[in-house]
Protein backbone atom coordinates (compact mmCIF):
# COMPACT_ATOMS: atom_id res chain seq x y z
CA MET A 1 -1.67 15.05 36.70
CA PHE A 2 0.75 12.09 37.18
CA ASN A 3 -1.13 8.70 38.48
CA PHE A 4 1.75 7.47 40.34
CA LYS A 5 -0.47 4.63 41.77
CA LYS A 6 -1.10 3.34 38.37
CA ASN A 7 2.11 3.54 37.22
CA ASN A 8 3.50 1.59 39.67
CA VAL A 9 0.81 -1.08 39.19
CA ASN A 10 1.86 -1.32 35.76
CA THR A 11 5.68 -1.57 36.60
CA LEU A 12 5.12 -4.11 38.98
CA PHE A 13 3.05 -6.16 36.04
CA TYR A 14 5.66 -5.68 33.58
CA LYS A 15 8.48 -6.85 35.85
CA ALA A 16 6.23 -10.17 36.67
CA PHE A 17 5.23 -10.62 32.61
CA PHE A 18 9.16 -10.32 31.98
CA ALA A 19 9.90 -12.62 35.19
CA VAL A 20 7.37 -15.43 33.53
CA ILE A 21 8.54 -15.17 30.32
CA PHE A 22 12.14 -15.24 31.29
CA SER A 23 11.10 -18.61 33.45
CA ALA A 24 9.83 -19.85 30.76
CA LEU A 25 12.98 -19.30 28.32
CA ILE A 26 15.08 -20.94 31.28
CA TYR A 27 12.35 -24.27 31.19
CA GLY A 28 12.51 -24.34 27.37
CA GLY A 29 16.01 -24.68 27.34
CA ASN A 30 15.64 -27.02 30.22
CA VAL A 31 13.32 -29.51 28.25
CA VAL A 32 16.53 -29.65 25.52
CA ALA A 33 19.03 -30.09 28.40
CA GLY A 34 17.24 -32.95 29.86
CA ARG A 35 17.04 -34.38 26.41
CA LEU A 36 20.73 -34.26 25.82
CA ILE A 37 21.79 -36.35 29.08
CA ALA A 38 18.18 -38.16 30.02
CA ASP A 39 20.15 -42.01 29.25
CA SER A 40 23.41 -40.52 31.05
CA ILE A 41 22.60 -40.28 34.74
CA PRO A 42 19.69 -42.08 36.87
CA PRO A 43 16.53 -39.72 37.16
CA ILE A 44 16.10 -39.36 41.05
CA THR A 45 19.86 -38.40 41.31
CA LEU A 46 19.27 -36.13 38.54
CA SER A 47 16.49 -34.56 40.65
CA ALA A 48 18.59 -34.79 43.68
CA LEU A 49 21.28 -33.02 42.56
CA ARG A 50 18.85 -30.22 41.15
CA ALA A 51 17.44 -29.39 43.88
CA ILE A 52 20.88 -29.58 45.74
CA LEU A 53 22.18 -27.00 43.37
CA ALA A 54 18.83 -24.59 43.15
CA LEU A 55 19.38 -24.12 46.64
CA VAL A 56 23.18 -23.17 46.72
CA ILE A 57 22.10 -20.58 44.12
CA LEU A 58 19.41 -18.74 46.27
CA LEU A 59 20.13 -19.13 49.49
CA PRO A 60 23.29 -16.37 49.06
CA ILE A 61 20.47 -14.26 47.22
CA ALA A 62 17.97 -15.10 49.91
CA TRP A 63 19.88 -14.81 53.01
CA PRO A 64 18.95 -10.86 53.59
CA ALA A 65 15.18 -11.48 53.02
CA LEU A 66 15.43 -14.83 54.98
CA LYS A 67 16.26 -13.10 58.23
CA ASN A 68 14.03 -10.09 58.12
CA ALA A 69 11.00 -12.80 57.50
CA PRO A 70 8.84 -13.87 59.65
CA LYS A 71 9.09 -17.44 60.94
CA PRO A 72 6.88 -19.85 59.73
CA ASN A 73 4.65 -21.53 62.70
CA LYS A 74 4.57 -25.15 62.71
CA LYS A 75 1.14 -25.01 60.66
CA GLU A 76 3.04 -23.30 58.03
CA LEU A 77 6.04 -24.95 57.96
CA LEU A 78 3.69 -28.35 56.75
CA PHE A 79 2.15 -26.48 54.60
CA LEU A 80 5.13 -25.56 53.08
CA PHE A 81 6.51 -29.38 53.24
CA LEU A 82 3.40 -30.39 51.20
CA ILE A 83 3.49 -27.45 48.41
CA SER A 84 7.32 -28.61 48.11
CA ILE A 85 6.41 -32.42 47.47
CA LEU A 86 3.52 -30.88 44.85
CA GLY A 87 5.62 -28.79 43.42
CA VAL A 88 8.99 -30.21 43.26
CA SER A 89 9.18 -33.57 44.04
CA LEU A 90 6.26 -35.09 43.13
CA PRO A 91 6.40 -33.78 39.69
CA TYR A 92 9.97 -34.99 39.16
CA THR A 93 9.03 -38.38 40.00
CA ALA A 94 5.55 -38.34 38.01
CA LEU A 95 7.37 -36.75 34.93
CA ILE A 96 10.29 -39.46 34.91
CA LEU A 97 7.83 -42.30 35.26
CA GLY A 98 5.44 -40.73 32.97
CA LEU A 99 7.97 -40.11 30.29
CA ALA A 100 8.82 -43.30 30.19
CA GLU A 101 5.94 -44.86 28.76
CA ALA A 102 3.98 -41.93 27.16
CA SER A 103 4.49 -40.90 24.21
CA GLY A 104 6.02 -37.27 23.00
CA THR A 105 2.98 -35.96 21.37
CA ASN A 106 0.97 -37.54 24.21
CA ALA A 107 2.90 -36.36 26.49
CA SER A 108 2.84 -32.87 25.30
CA VAL A 109 -0.63 -32.52 24.85
CA ILE A 110 -1.09 -33.21 28.48
CA PHE A 111 1.54 -30.87 29.69
CA ALA A 112 -0.59 -27.98 27.54
CA THR A 113 -3.21 -28.91 29.54
CA LEU A 114 -1.87 -27.21 33.00
CA PRO A 115 -3.66 -23.25 32.30
CA ALA A 116 -6.96 -24.88 31.99
CA ALA A 117 -6.22 -26.93 34.99
CA THR A 118 -5.05 -24.33 36.98
CA ASN A 119 -7.89 -22.21 36.33
CA ALA A 120 -10.32 -24.83 36.75
CA LEU A 121 -9.32 -25.41 40.23
CA LEU A 122 -9.20 -21.82 40.73
CA PHE A 123 -12.82 -21.91 39.96
CA LEU A 124 -13.80 -24.91 41.98
CA ILE A 125 -11.98 -23.78 44.95
CA TYR A 126 -12.70 -20.13 45.27
CA LYS A 127 -14.66 -19.51 42.64
CA ILE A 128 -12.54 -17.21 41.14
CA LYS A 129 -13.61 -17.14 37.26
CA PRO A 130 -11.03 -16.43 34.42
CA SER A 131 -11.79 -13.62 32.09
CA LYS A 132 -13.12 -14.20 28.70
CA PHE A 133 -9.58 -13.00 27.42
CA GLN A 134 -8.01 -15.31 29.35
CA VAL A 135 -10.35 -18.28 28.39
CA TRP A 136 -9.92 -17.67 24.69
CA GLY A 137 -5.93 -16.88 25.38
CA ILE A 138 -5.94 -20.60 26.97
CA ILE A 139 -8.16 -22.29 23.40
CA THR A 140 -5.97 -20.26 21.42
CA SER A 141 -2.63 -21.10 22.56
CA PHE A 142 -4.02 -24.93 22.97
CA ILE A 143 -4.65 -25.23 19.38
CA GLY A 144 -1.26 -23.66 18.77
CA LEU A 145 0.25 -26.54 20.57
CA LEU A 146 -2.10 -29.40 19.25
CA ILE A 147 -1.09 -28.19 15.85
CA VAL A 148 2.41 -28.12 16.49
CA PHE A 149 2.79 -31.51 18.77
CA THR A 150 0.44 -33.47 15.98
CA HIS A 151 2.96 -32.34 13.29
CA GLY A 152 -0.06 -29.78 11.39
CA ASP A 153 -2.86 -33.17 11.55
CA LEU A 154 -4.98 -33.01 14.47
CA LEU A 155 -6.54 -36.39 13.19
CA HIS A 156 -3.32 -37.83 15.22
CA LEU A 157 -5.36 -37.07 18.47
CA LEU A 158 -7.68 -39.69 17.75
CA SER A 159 -4.93 -42.25 18.21
CA PHE A 160 -4.62 -40.55 21.48
CA LYS A 161 -4.71 -43.56 24.50
CA LEU A 162 -4.87 -43.45 28.55
CA GLY A 163 -2.14 -45.72 29.75
CA LYS A 164 0.23 -46.04 32.81
CA GLY A 165 2.58 -43.16 31.35
CA GLU A 166 -0.25 -40.69 30.39
CA ALA A 167 -1.60 -41.03 34.04
CA PHE A 168 1.85 -40.41 35.43
CA LEU A 169 1.72 -37.50 33.73
CA PHE A 170 -2.05 -36.11 34.69
CA ILE A 171 -0.52 -36.10 38.37
CA ASN A 172 2.48 -34.10 37.24
CA VAL A 173 -0.18 -31.76 35.64
CA LEU A 174 -2.56 -31.76 38.81
CA SER A 175 0.07 -31.82 41.21
CA VAL A 176 2.17 -28.66 39.55
CA SER A 177 -1.50 -26.74 39.54
CA ILE A 178 -2.45 -27.37 42.77
CA PHE A 179 1.03 -25.80 43.92
CA ASN A 180 1.03 -23.01 41.80
CA ILE A 181 -2.36 -22.01 43.83
CA ALA A 182 -1.23 -22.76 47.07
CA GLY A 183 2.06 -21.15 46.69
CA GLN A 184 0.07 -18.33 45.23
CA ASN A 185 -1.70 -18.76 49.19
CA ILE A 186 1.51 -18.87 51.11
CA MET A 187 3.01 -15.68 49.24
CA LYS A 188 0.15 -13.83 51.12
CA LYS A 189 2.66 -14.11 53.92
CA PHE A 190 6.06 -14.91 52.48
CA SER A 191 8.14 -13.58 49.71
CA PRO A 192 8.70 -15.28 46.62
CA ILE A 193 12.51 -15.76 47.68
CA VAL A 194 12.04 -17.02 51.03
CA THR A 195 8.91 -19.54 49.73
CA SER A 196 11.33 -20.86 47.18
CA ILE A 197 14.52 -21.41 49.61
CA TYR A 198 11.87 -23.65 52.42
CA THR A 199 10.25 -25.54 49.59
CA ILE A 200 13.46 -25.91 47.67
CA GLY A 201 15.00 -27.43 51.03
CA PHE A 202 12.47 -29.85 52.10
CA ALA A 203 12.81 -31.03 48.31
CA VAL A 204 16.60 -31.93 48.98
CA LEU A 205 15.58 -33.71 52.17
CA THR A 206 13.08 -35.44 50.37
CA LEU A 207 14.69 -36.44 47.16
CA SER A 208 18.37 -36.86 48.35
CA PRO A 209 18.01 -40.15 50.20
CA VAL A 210 16.79 -42.31 47.44
CA GLY A 211 18.91 -40.09 44.90
CA LEU A 212 22.07 -41.12 46.79
CA TRP A 213 20.49 -44.66 46.84
CA GLN A 214 19.81 -45.00 43.28
CA SER A 215 23.49 -43.38 42.54
CA ASN A 216 24.64 -46.55 44.11
CA SER A 217 22.37 -49.14 42.43
CA VAL A 218 23.12 -47.98 38.85
CA ALA A 219 26.02 -47.72 37.12
CA TRP A 220 26.30 -44.04 35.09
CA HIS A 221 28.90 -41.57 34.02
CA LEU A 222 28.60 -38.09 32.94
CA SER A 223 31.29 -35.82 30.71
CA TRP A 224 32.40 -32.51 31.91
CA SER A 225 29.82 -30.97 29.16
CA GLY A 226 27.16 -33.52 31.08
CA TRP A 227 27.49 -31.51 34.13
CA LEU A 228 27.48 -28.60 32.88
CA ILE A 229 24.08 -29.74 31.73
CA VAL A 230 23.30 -30.47 35.20
CA ILE A 231 24.41 -27.35 36.61
CA TYR A 232 22.35 -25.39 34.28
CA MET A 233 19.61 -27.39 35.08
CA GLY A 234 19.98 -27.47 38.75
CA CYS A 235 21.22 -23.70 39.04
CA LEU A 236 19.05 -22.08 36.41
CA ALA A 237 15.85 -24.28 35.71
CA ALA A 238 15.59 -25.50 39.41
CA GLY A 239 16.56 -22.95 40.91
CA ILE A 240 16.43 -19.20 39.03
CA ALA A 241 13.29 -20.08 36.57
CA TYR A 242 11.27 -21.50 40.06
CA PHE A 243 11.82 -18.26 42.01
CA LEU A 244 11.04 -16.25 38.68
CA ASN A 245 7.71 -18.26 38.23
CA LEU A 246 6.56 -18.02 41.67
CA TYR A 247 7.45 -14.19 41.67
CA GLY A 248 5.21 -13.92 38.66
CA ILE A 249 2.56 -16.10 40.38
CA GLN A 250 2.74 -13.67 43.33
CA LYS A 251 1.95 -10.67 41.38
CA LEU A 252 0.09 -11.97 38.33
CA GLY A 253 -2.21 -14.54 39.84
CA SER A 254 -1.48 -18.56 39.19
CA GLY A 255 -4.23 -18.25 36.51
CA ARG A 256 -2.31 -15.85 34.39
CA ALA A 257 0.75 -16.94 34.83
CA THR A 258 0.33 -20.77 33.61
CA ILE A 259 -1.24 -18.86 30.34
CA ILE A 260 2.30 -17.10 29.81
CA GLY A 261 4.08 -20.27 30.40
CA TYR A 262 2.58 -21.60 27.56
CA MET A 263 5.78 -19.59 25.90
CA GLN A 264 7.84 -22.71 27.21
CA HIS A 265 6.64 -24.74 24.56
CA VAL A 266 7.77 -22.01 21.72
CA PHE A 267 11.32 -21.26 23.36
CA SER A 268 11.84 -25.37 23.99
CA ILE A 269 11.20 -25.89 20.22
CA THR A 270 13.21 -23.09 19.05
CA LEU A 271 16.49 -23.95 20.75
CA SER A 272 15.86 -27.61 19.86
CA VAL A 273 16.34 -26.01 16.17
CA LEU A 274 19.01 -23.98 17.31
CA ILE A 275 20.92 -26.79 19.53
CA LEU A 276 19.86 -29.83 18.25
CA LYS A 277 19.58 -28.81 14.63
CA GLU A 278 15.59 -29.72 14.28
CA VAL A 279 13.54 -28.31 11.59
CA LEU A 280 10.99 -25.83 11.46
CA THR A 281 7.90 -26.42 9.24
CA ILE A 282 5.05 -24.37 8.52
CA TYR A 283 2.99 -25.78 11.00
CA HIS A 284 5.72 -24.64 13.79
CA PHE A 285 5.08 -21.32 12.07
CA TRP A 286 0.93 -21.05 12.41
CA GLY A 287 1.14 -22.94 15.81
CA PHE A 288 3.35 -20.40 17.45
CA LEU A 289 1.44 -17.60 15.98
CA LEU A 290 -1.83 -19.11 17.91
CA VAL A 291 0.27 -19.52 21.34
CA ILE A 292 1.73 -15.87 20.90
CA SER A 293 -1.99 -14.59 19.95
CA GLY A 294 -3.42 -16.44 23.17
CA VAL A 295 -1.05 -15.10 25.51
CA ILE A 296 -1.86 -11.87 24.21
CA LEU A 297 -5.23 -12.39 24.54
CA SER A 298 -4.85 -13.53 28.28
CA LEU A 299 -3.14 -9.94 29.05
CA ILE A 300 -6.11 -8.11 27.77
CA SER A 301 -7.00 -6.80 31.02
CA SER A 302 -6.00 -3.65 33.24
CA PRO A 303 -2.81 -4.79 35.19
CA VAL A 304 -3.70 -5.88 38.66
CA GLU A 305 -1.83 -7.81 41.38
CA SER A 306 -3.03 -11.51 42.17
CA PRO A 307 -6.32 -11.79 43.55
CA ARG A 308 -6.50 -12.89 47.47
CA LEU A 309 -6.97 -16.31 47.65
CA THR A 310 -9.61 -17.42 50.40
CA SER A 311 -12.07 -20.19 50.53
CA LYS A 312 -15.65 -20.26 51.97
CA SER A 313 -14.67 -21.80 55.51
CA SER A 314 -11.82 -19.68 56.01
CA LYS A 315 -11.32 -16.08 56.12
CA GLN A 316 -7.65 -16.36 56.74
CA THR A 317 -5.07 -17.30 54.34
CA ILE A 318 -1.64 -19.10 55.53
């Protein structure tokens, strides 16, 4: 006889897997898009516009779920506000400040530590150990990305220096790691789409005043193609990809979802070749092979939904 329960779990697993992969593809395009207009618009203004566009595209989709969702109490509203800062406002700001001073290689290496940071926090806070396949997946993918980022010469890492820019980028990684775990926690009560609306809505409130001030203080101009890029970065990257990533975190767990997110770097480099006419070399192919192998390794276990996150001090989750 068919095991319908197992089949249903497998279906949920694959839906979540492809949701994270698709979000990684959009985020990869977001990196290319950001490079195209980085010097054409004030950074906080761009961040505010992205949050506003994300809310515009997601609100009609989320409206039926919002009407039927439980209303957050004051404690939950505060929690949603805090993870909005951790997941949107602070990472955007830290990223902009970090990239202004850190080298591209240093930035890429720091971003690649996100899965390790997330799984380390899961262990330290909730005593959730990654499987041996997840550990090997993180290591394999990380080495693959190092090969790509250092252009096939790992000795470049010896020149890695920590400066103010790198410190901001580590803040970015740490805040996103905490957000991924906290987002998994809050989604025990609220669906990914409802969580997206609350956190993006709070981000609009926190980013818009600074973004408006900056837009009036700095001379800037966008062409029509630049505005199309902003729409992509807002509606797709800050909106659809953000929601899909939260859905993947809810179903797969933040530890596994961040490992699959390694594919973002593969997609961003591939899109850079297609759009910016950059050149692929042999070290890219070896790096991509290791990244994909690491992602596959991290998935070698029975598909299960994300673990319940509880701390020793409290049996209840928000």
